[in-house]
Amino acid sequence: MGSDGTTETIATDAGEARVTWHPAKPARLVLAVSHGAGGGIEARDLQALARVLPGRGVTVALVEQPWRVAGKKVAPAPKTLDVGWRGIWPALAGPGLPVISGGRSAGARVACRTATELGAHAVLALSFPLHPPGRPEKSRAEELLGAGVPTLVVQGANDPFGKPEEFPEGAYELVEVPYGDHGLAVPKRAEITQERALEVVTDAVVKWCASLG
């Protein structure tokens, strides 16, 4: 693990994955976050976390799934995503610190599904896709509720994949990003700026990480 922004390629059973490290000095936790099914680690919330958290004692590892490294446009089946994440885990645990397993959208589902098995310290679920847009009956709540470790959900108020009020009761914390959509983007007419929306995200994650001990 080198200096800020060092990239490491890791062989997994699903193909080669990539980890970009943003180290804290000193670090007490590693936050590993992966992208969604249609985007990469350039997502605004992932980049905001990589900017802010290293200054708060949390090393951020931005993880690119093998399908993304291979240049494909669409993510494979959930099982294949889990295989990739399992293959990356030894590198994430390499620094010897507790690892928070995280991701946005499809990446959040992977983190929830594999948390107990991999020994994750906690789960950060950004824009958890509770259901496909317009299909609330196709709920994925059991993945979230089954994480088995302390979990923080950061959800846009206008996320078509599940608004905060649609989430079930459970042993997790939920922070709402006002006006945010699935990408945590806020419209120009919103009462808060995009910058402020991202501060809601980073402030919530910093506070939560501090509470994990």
C-alpha atoms as a PDB file:
ATOM      1  CA  MET A   1       0.000   0.000   0.000  1.00  0.00           C
ATOM      2  CA  GLY A   2       1.704   3.149  -1.186  1.00  0.00           C
ATOM      3  CA  SER A   3       0.948   6.835  -1.248  1.00  0.00           C
ATOM      4  CA  ASP A   4      -2.320   8.568  -2.001  1.00  0.00           C
ATOM      5  CA  GLY A   5      -4.099   7.110  -4.998  1.00  0.00           C
ATOM      6  CA  THR A   6      -1.880   4.014  -5.364  1.00  0.00           C
ATOM      7  CA  THR A   7      -3.576   1.381  -7.506  1.00  0.00           C
ATOM      8  CA  GLU A   8      -3.207  -2.347  -7.011  1.00  0.00           C
ATOM      9  CA  THR A   9      -4.437  -5.094  -9.369  1.00  0.00           C
ATOM     10  CA  ILE A  10      -5.748  -8.249  -7.707  1.00  0.00           C
ATOM     11  CA  ALA A  11      -6.511 -11.595  -9.357  1.00  0.00           C
ATOM     12  CA  THR A  12      -9.903 -13.062  -8.373  1.00  0.00           C
ATOM     13  CA  ASP A  13     -11.909 -16.042  -9.618  1.00  0.00           C
ATOM     14  CA  ALA A  14     -14.088 -13.531 -11.495  1.00  0.00           C
ATOM     15  CA  GLY A  15     -11.113 -11.854 -13.226  1.00  0.00           C
ATOM     16  CA  GLU A  16      -8.733  -9.046 -12.303  1.00  0.00           C
ATOM     17  CA  ALA A  17     -10.024  -6.427  -9.877  1.00  0.00           C
ATOM     18  CA  ARG A  18      -8.456  -3.092  -9.013  1.00  0.00           C
ATOM     19  CA  VAL A  19      -8.074  -1.295  -5.678  1.00  0.00           C
ATOM     20  CA  THR A  20      -7.124   2.384  -5.426  1.00  0.00           C
ATOM     21  CA  TRP A  21      -5.830   3.195  -1.945  1.00  0.00           C
ATOM     22  CA  HIS A  22      -6.280   6.541  -0.193  1.00  0.00           C
ATOM     23  CA  PRO A  23      -4.349   5.911   3.037  1.00  0.00           C
ATOM     24  CA  ALA A  24      -4.809   7.611   6.376  1.00  0.00           C
ATOM     25  CA  LYS A  25      -1.746   8.242   8.528  1.00  0.00           C
ATOM     26  CA  PRO A  26      -2.219   6.860  11.058  1.00  0.00           C
ATOM     27  CA  ALA A  27      -5.189   4.663  10.145  1.00  0.00           C
ATOM     28  CA  ARG A  28      -7.499   2.867  12.550  1.00  0.00           C
ATOM     29  CA  LEU A  29      -9.989   1.497  10.015  1.00  0.00           C
ATOM     30  CA  VAL A  30     -10.128   0.567   6.347  1.00  0.00           C
ATOM     31  CA  LEU A  31     -13.293   1.522   4.441  1.00  0.00           C
ATOM     32  CA  ALA A  32     -13.522  -0.545   1.263  1.00  0.00           C
ATOM     33  CA  VAL A  33     -16.205   0.679  -1.139  1.00  0.00           C
ATOM     34  CA  SER A  34     -17.174  -0.540  -4.588  1.00  0.00           C
ATOM     35  CA  HIS A  35     -19.300   0.983  -7.328  1.00  0.00           C
ATOM     36  CA  GLY A  36     -22.744   0.207  -8.699  1.00  0.00           C
ATOM     37  CA  ALA A  37     -23.890  -1.891 -11.652  1.00  0.00           C
ATOM     38  CA  GLY A  38     -23.643   0.912 -14.198  1.00  0.00           C
ATOM     39  CA  GLY A  39     -20.819   3.152 -12.984  1.00  0.00           C
ATOM     40  CA  GLY A  40     -17.337   3.170 -11.533  1.00  0.00           C
ATOM     41  CA  ILE A  41     -15.317   4.608  -8.675  1.00  0.00           C
ATOM     42  CA  GLU A  42     -15.663   8.097 -10.162  1.00  0.00           C
ATOM     43  CA  ALA A  43     -19.115   8.253  -8.484  1.00  0.00           C
ATOM     44  CA  ARG A  44     -19.437  11.543  -6.555  1.00  0.00           C
ATOM     45  CA  ASP A  45     -20.058   9.943  -3.162  1.00  0.00           C
ATOM     46  CA  LEU A  46     -17.134   7.509  -3.438  1.00  0.00           C
ATOM     47  CA  GLN A  47     -14.783  10.322  -4.462  1.00  0.00           C
ATOM     48  CA  ALA A  48     -16.022  12.517  -1.588  1.00  0.00           C
ATOM     49  CA  LEU A  49     -15.308   9.737   0.923  1.00  0.00           C
ATOM     50  CA  ALA A  50     -11.811   9.231  -0.542  1.00  0.00           C
ATOM     51  CA  ARG A  51     -11.124  12.966  -0.111  1.00  0.00           C
ATOM     52  CA  VAL A  52     -12.435  13.375   3.439  1.00  0.00           C
ATOM     53  CA  LEU A  53     -11.991  10.152   5.416  1.00  0.00           C
ATOM     54  CA  PRO A  54      -8.187   9.710   5.253  1.00  0.00           C
ATOM     55  CA  GLY A  55      -7.918  12.951   7.251  1.00  0.00           C
ATOM     56  CA  ARG A  56     -10.111  11.327   9.919  1.00  0.00           C
ATOM     57  CA  GLY A  57      -8.049   8.176  10.452  1.00  0.00           C
ATOM     58  CA  VAL A  58      -9.874   6.002   7.926  1.00  0.00           C
ATOM     59  CA  THR A  59      -8.027   4.555   4.926  1.00  0.00           C
ATOM     60  CA  VAL A  60     -10.336   4.407   1.897  1.00  0.00           C
ATOM     61  CA  ALA A  61      -9.966   1.605  -0.653  1.00  0.00           C
ATOM     62  CA  LEU A  62     -11.957   2.243  -3.846  1.00  0.00           C
ATOM     63  CA  VAL A  63     -12.646  -1.142  -5.402  1.00  0.00           C
ATOM     64  CA  GLU A  64     -13.317  -1.780  -9.091  1.00  0.00           C
ATOM     65  CA  GLN A  65     -15.025  -5.083  -9.785  1.00  0.00           C
ATOM     66  CA  PRO A  66     -13.492  -7.358 -12.478  1.00  0.00           C
ATOM     67  CA  TRP A  67     -16.272  -6.648 -15.010  1.00  0.00           C
ATOM     68  CA  ARG A  68     -15.466  -2.953 -14.786  1.00  0.00           C
ATOM     69  CA  VAL A  69     -11.692  -3.494 -15.083  1.00  0.00           C
ATOM     70  CA  ALA A  70     -12.369  -5.626 -18.189  1.00  0.00           C
ATOM     71  CA  GLY A  71     -14.177  -2.678 -19.788  1.00  0.00           C
ATOM     72  CA  LYS A  72     -17.653  -4.230 -19.827  1.00  0.00           C
ATOM     73  CA  LYS A  73     -20.681  -1.935 -19.672  1.00  0.00           C
ATOM     74  CA  VAL A  74     -23.021  -3.995 -17.505  1.00  0.00           C
ATOM     75  CA  ALA A  75     -22.437  -5.881 -14.264  1.00  0.00           C
ATOM     76  CA  PRO A  76     -22.719  -9.692 -14.161  1.00  0.00           C
ATOM     77  CA  ALA A  77     -25.042 -11.666 -11.857  1.00  0.00           C
ATOM     78  CA  PRO A  78     -24.932 -10.974  -8.096  1.00  0.00           C
ATOM     79  CA  LYS A  79     -23.165 -14.289  -7.425  1.00  0.00           C
ATOM     80  CA  THR A  80     -20.283 -13.239  -9.708  1.00  0.00           C
ATOM     81  CA  LEU A  81     -20.015  -9.882  -7.941  1.00  0.00           C
ATOM     82  CA  ASP A  82     -19.742 -11.748  -4.623  1.00  0.00           C
ATOM     83  CA  VAL A  83     -16.949 -13.939  -6.059  1.00  0.00           C
ATOM     84  CA  GLY A  84     -15.006 -10.824  -7.082  1.00  0.00           C
ATOM     85  CA  TRP A  85     -15.476  -9.231  -3.650  1.00  0.00           C
ATOM     86  CA  ARG A  86     -14.321 -12.370  -1.834  1.00  0.00           C
ATOM     87  CA  GLY A  87     -11.193 -12.434  -3.998  1.00  0.00           C
ATOM     88  CA  ILE A  88     -10.361  -8.826  -3.159  1.00  0.00           C
ATOM     89  CA  TRP A  89     -10.928  -9.212   0.597  1.00  0.00           C
ATOM     90  CA  PRO A  90      -7.463 -10.569   1.600  1.00  0.00           C
ATOM     91  CA  ALA A  91      -5.847  -7.421   0.132  1.00  0.00           C
ATOM     92  CA  LEU A  92      -8.325  -5.201   2.003  1.00  0.00           C
ATOM     93  CA  ALA A  93      -7.579  -7.017   5.266  1.00  0.00           C
ATOM     94  CA  GLY A  94      -3.836  -6.910   4.498  1.00  0.00           C
ATOM     95  CA  PRO A  95      -3.074  -3.743   6.521  1.00  0.00           C
ATOM     96  CA  GLY A  96      -4.292  -5.615   9.620  1.00  0.00           C
ATOM     97  CA  LEU A  97      -7.031  -3.137  10.493  1.00  0.00           C
ATOM     98  CA  PRO A  98     -10.783  -3.691  10.918  1.00  0.00           C
ATOM     99  CA  VAL A  99     -12.406  -3.466   7.470  1.00  0.00           C
ATOM    100  CA  ILE A 100     -15.746  -1.752   6.822  1.00  0.00           C
ATOM    101  CA  SER A 101     -17.282  -3.434   3.797  1.00  0.00           C
ATOM    102  CA  GLY A 102     -19.128  -0.944   1.635  1.00  0.00           C
ATOM    103  CA  GLY A 103     -20.426   0.028  -1.741  1.00  0.00           C
ATOM    104  CA  ARG A 104     -23.020   1.970  -3.633  1.00  0.00           C
ATOM    105  CA  SER A 105     -26.120   0.345  -5.142  1.00  0.00           C
ATOM    106  CA  ALA A 106     -25.161  -3.163  -6.376  1.00  0.00           C
ATOM    107  CA  GLY A 107     -21.926  -2.802  -4.400  1.00  0.00           C
ATOM    108  CA  ALA A 108     -23.939  -2.189  -1.224  1.00  0.00           C
ATOM    109  CA  ARG A 109     -25.839  -5.434  -1.821  1.00  0.00           C
ATOM    110  CA  VAL A 110     -22.548  -7.337  -2.197  1.00  0.00           C
ATOM    111  CA  ALA A 111     -21.247  -5.836   1.065  1.00  0.00           C
ATOM    112  CA  CYS A 112     -24.418  -6.888   2.919  1.00  0.00           C
ATOM    113  CA  ARG A 113     -24.494 -10.415   1.471  1.00  0.00           C
ATOM    114  CA  THR A 114     -20.859 -11.197   2.314  1.00  0.00           C
ATOM    115  CA  ALA A 115     -20.272  -9.229   5.548  1.00  0.00           C
ATOM    116  CA  THR A 116     -20.619 -12.030   8.091  1.00  0.00           C
ATOM    117  CA  GLU A 117     -18.787 -14.610   5.990  1.00  0.00           C
ATOM    118  CA  LEU A 118     -15.793 -12.315   5.389  1.00  0.00           C
ATOM    119  CA  GLY A 119     -15.608 -10.960   8.928  1.00  0.00           C
ATOM    120  CA  ALA A 120     -16.406  -7.352   8.039  1.00  0.00           C
ATOM    121  CA  HIS A 121     -16.284  -4.919  10.974  1.00  0.00           C
ATOM    122  CA  ALA A 122     -19.356  -3.078   9.659  1.00  0.00           C
ATOM    123  CA  VAL A 123     -21.231  -2.309   6.408  1.00  0.00           C
ATOM    124  CA  LEU A 124     -21.683   1.033   4.638  1.00  0.00           C
ATOM    125  CA  ALA A 125     -24.568   0.886   2.154  1.00  0.00           C
ATOM    126  CA  LEU A 126     -24.714   3.925  -0.153  1.00  0.00           C
ATOM    127  CA  SER A 127     -27.943   4.171  -2.184  1.00  0.00           C
ATOM    128  CA  PHE A 128     -29.059   0.661  -1.227  1.00  0.00           C
ATOM    129  CA  PRO A 129     -31.345  -0.533  -4.069  1.00  0.00           C
ATOM    130  CA  LEU A 130     -34.247  -1.698  -1.917  1.00  0.00           C
ATOM    131  CA  HIS A 131     -36.255  -2.616  -5.026  1.00  0.00           C
ATOM    132  CA  PRO A 132     -36.157  -2.031  -8.800  1.00  0.00           C
ATOM    133  CA  PRO A 133     -37.757   1.331  -9.713  1.00  0.00           C
ATOM    134  CA  GLY A 134     -41.540   1.049  -9.690  1.00  0.00           C
ATOM    135  CA  ARG A 135     -41.418  -2.540  -8.330  1.00  0.00           C
ATOM    136  CA  PRO A 136     -41.674  -2.212  -4.534  1.00  0.00           C
ATOM    137  CA  GLU A 137     -42.921  -5.802  -4.311  1.00  0.00           C
ATOM    138  CA  LYS A 138     -39.464  -7.025  -5.438  1.00  0.00           C
ATOM    139  CA  SER A 139     -37.853  -6.126  -2.120  1.00  0.00           C
ATOM    140  CA  ARG A 140     -34.207  -6.826  -1.286  1.00  0.00           C
ATOM    141  CA  ALA A 141     -34.683  -5.883   2.362  1.00  0.00           C
ATOM    142  CA  GLU A 142     -33.555  -9.316   3.569  1.00  0.00           C
ATOM    143  CA  GLU A 143     -30.044  -8.676   2.191  1.00  0.00           C
ATOM    144  CA  LEU A 144     -29.794  -5.467   4.217  1.00  0.00           C
ATOM    145  CA  LEU A 145     -31.358  -6.955   7.351  1.00  0.00           C
ATOM    146  CA  GLY A 146     -29.135 -10.037   7.077  1.00  0.00           C
ATOM    147  CA  ALA A 147     -25.814  -8.177   7.101  1.00  0.00           C
ATOM    148  CA  GLY A 148     -25.230  -9.211  10.713  1.00  0.00           C
ATOM    149  CA  VAL A 149     -22.855  -6.336  11.561  1.00  0.00           C
ATOM    150  CA  PRO A 150     -23.334  -2.612  12.342  1.00  0.00           C
ATOM    151  CA  THR A 151     -24.743  -1.063   9.161  1.00  0.00           C
ATOM    152  CA  LEU A 152     -25.184   2.503   7.935  1.00  0.00           C
ATOM    153  CA  VAL A 153     -27.460   3.246   4.979  1.00  0.00           C
ATOM    154  CA  VAL A 154     -27.040   6.609   3.224  1.00  0.00           C
ATOM    155  CA  GLN A 155     -30.059   7.138   0.974  1.00  0.00           C
ATOM    156  CA  GLY A 156     -31.257   9.930  -1.280  1.00  0.00           C
ATOM    157  CA  ALA A 157     -34.697  11.319  -0.361  1.00  0.00           C
ATOM    158  CA  ASN A 158     -35.834  10.843  -3.984  1.00  0.00           C
ATOM    159  CA  ASP A 159     -34.131   7.535  -4.788  1.00  0.00           C
ATOM    160  CA  PRO A 160     -36.396   5.581  -7.204  1.00  0.00           C
ATOM    161  CA  PHE A 161     -34.779   2.351  -5.945  1.00  0.00           C
ATOM    162  CA  GLY A 162     -36.171   3.018  -2.467  1.00  0.00           C
ATOM    163  CA  LYS A 163     -36.930   6.220  -0.596  1.00  0.00           C
ATOM    164  CA  PRO A 164     -35.886   6.372   3.078  1.00  0.00           C
ATOM    165  CA  GLU A 165     -39.481   6.020   4.297  1.00  0.00           C
ATOM    166  CA  GLU A 166     -39.848   2.725   2.384  1.00  0.00           C
ATOM    167  CA  PHE A 167     -37.129   1.010   4.418  1.00  0.00           C
ATOM    168  CA  PRO A 168     -38.238  -1.576   6.997  1.00  0.00           C
ATOM    169  CA  GLU A 169     -37.514  -1.417  10.708  1.00  0.00           C
ATOM    170  CA  GLY A 170     -34.210  -3.050  11.521  1.00  0.00           C
ATOM    171  CA  ALA A 171     -30.886  -2.989  13.322  1.00  0.00           C
ATOM    172  CA  TYR A 172     -29.219  -0.420  11.096  1.00  0.00           C
ATOM    173  CA  GLU A 173     -28.880   3.363  10.914  1.00  0.00           C
ATOM    174  CA  LEU A 174     -30.242   5.382   7.992  1.00  0.00           C
ATOM    175  CA  VAL A 175     -29.179   8.884   6.984  1.00  0.00           C
ATOM    176  CA  GLU A 176     -31.247  10.737   4.393  1.00  0.00           C
ATOM    177  CA  VAL A 177     -29.621  12.983   1.793  1.00  0.00           C
ATOM    178  CA  PRO A 178     -32.179  15.750   1.082  1.00  0.00           C
ATOM    179  CA  TYR A 179     -33.369  15.877  -2.563  1.00  0.00           C
ATOM    180  CA  GLY A 180     -30.840  13.166  -3.547  1.00  0.00           C
ATOM    181  CA  ASP A 181     -31.535  10.680  -6.345  1.00  0.00           C
ATOM    182  CA  HIS A 182     -29.931   7.224  -6.753  1.00  0.00           C
ATOM    183  CA  GLY A 183     -26.595   8.869  -7.608  1.00  0.00           C
ATOM    184  CA  LEU A 184     -27.075  11.283  -4.668  1.00  0.00           C
ATOM    185  CA  ALA A 185     -27.342  14.101  -7.192  1.00  0.00           C
ATOM    186  CA  VAL A 186     -29.572  17.002  -6.215  1.00  0.00           C
ATOM    187  CA  PRO A 187     -31.529  19.087  -8.747  1.00  0.00           C
ATOM    188  CA  LYS A 188     -30.474  22.699  -9.362  1.00  0.00           C
ATOM    189  CA  ARG A 189     -33.735  23.958  -7.838  1.00  0.00           C
ATOM    190  CA  ALA A 190     -33.080  22.091  -4.542  1.00  0.00           C
ATOM    191  CA  GLU A 191     -32.673  24.063  -1.341  1.00  0.00           C
ATOM    192  CA  ILE A 192     -29.211  22.589  -0.826  1.00  0.00           C
ATOM    193  CA  THR A 193     -26.192  22.569  -3.146  1.00  0.00           C
ATOM    194  CA  GLN A 194     -24.560  19.427  -4.515  1.00  0.00           C
ATOM    195  CA  GLU A 195     -21.548  20.212  -2.345  1.00  0.00           C
ATOM    196  CA  ARG A 196     -23.724  20.364   0.773  1.00  0.00           C
ATOM    197  CA  ALA A 197     -25.419  17.072  -0.159  1.00  0.00           C
ATOM    198  CA  LEU A 198     -22.021  15.380  -0.299  1.00  0.00           C
ATOM    199  CA  GLU A 199     -21.124  16.927   3.064  1.00  0.00           C
ATOM    200  CA  VAL A 200     -24.226  15.230   4.501  1.00  0.00           C
ATOM    201  CA  VAL A 201     -22.772  11.938   3.239  1.00  0.00           C
ATOM    202  CA  THR A 202     -19.218  12.451   4.499  1.00  0.00           C
ATOM    203  CA  ASP A 203     -20.295  13.941   7.845  1.00  0.00           C
ATOM    204  CA  ALA A 204     -22.577  10.957   8.478  1.00  0.00           C
ATOM    205  CA  VAL A 205     -19.877   8.424   7.595  1.00  0.00           C
ATOM    206  CA  VAL A 206     -17.205  10.195   9.683  1.00  0.00           C
ATOM    207  CA  LYS A 207     -19.522  10.287  12.714  1.00  0.00           C
ATOM    208  CA  TRP A 208     -20.562   6.653  12.250  1.00  0.00           C
ATOM    209  CA  CYS A 209     -16.959   5.445  11.847  1.00  0.00           C
ATOM    210  CA  ALA A 210     -16.051   7.234  15.098  1.00  0.00           C
ATOM    211  CA  SER A 211     -18.893   5.386  16.864  1.00  0.00           C
ATOM    212  CA  LEU A 212     -17.631   1.958  15.745  1.00  0.00           C
ATOM    213  CA  GLY A 213     -14.747   1.979  18.223  1.00  0.00           C
END
